[in-house]
Amino acid sequence: MGQLEGKVAIVTGGALGIGAAYCKRLAEEGAKVVVADIEDGNSVVGVIEQAGGRALFIETDVTSEPDNKNMASKTFQTFGRLDILVANAGLYTHLKRHPSVEETVQEWDDVYNVNVKGVWLGAKACIPEMKKNGYGKIVNIASTAAFQGTPGITRYAASKAAVVGITRSMAREYGDDGIRINAIAPGPIETETGKPYETEESLKRRLVSGKKRALGRNGLPSDVVGLCVFLSSEKSDFMSGQTVVVDGGGTLW
């Protein structure tokens, strides 16, 4: 029996990249999985179902409150409960890098709408459903950029620092309801979604980044999905409000 047998999980941004990896691994552990994304997630659903799992795609724009409410209510209507939210949807791979003073208000608004407001709206929609069972797990996806700083995309680093703040505040608010809220802060993760945006400069930056880590490389989705399972499972029931760094020893406390 898997660690998440009988649980129901939503993964925002679950159609591609690391979000798809979260979906597949949660399903392998026995969870029924909702792929919530603005992109088509039916291929991920197909993979899960072919392996004998249950999954559902719900088209969801995380910046929209009605979409988030629809995501939570359809999940509950379909599976009868809601236990886990992995707030993975975010903007990063296609962001243009330039000095902070050259960033535009529109660029900041675009990133904050997805990376910050989207995290809050997802929790706002799902927590009432979790409270019905007196139990729930929310796993927010932050980034080591919140701790190290990332030159050229200040808006991204700031948005991920905000995710850490959301995690801490909401964990204190909803602990009495049996809802545990934690965050994962990955370093650079190699996924297919970043390939179309790769340049000679970004490739060089990525290679240098990997060599600086204690383990000598950047991460793969397989390096972080195990932590997502742990934070979604009963094994982490006495953890809340924490942000766990997974970056191969690039960020040391």
Foldseek 3Di string as FASTA:
>chain_A
DAQQAPAEEEQEVLQFFLNLVLQQVNQVRHYEYEYEYCDDRVVSQVVSVVVPGHYYYQHADLLDLVRLLCSQVVSCVVSVAHAEYELDDFDDLQDFFDAPVPDDPVNLCVRLSRLPSSLVSNCVNNVVRQLVVLAHFYEYEAACCLVPPDHRCNSNNVSSVNVLVVQQVVQVVCVRSHYAGEYEHEYDEDTPVNVVNDDPVNVVVQQVLQCQAPQRHFHYSVQCSVVVSCRSGPVCSVHHSYYHYRTRHNDDD
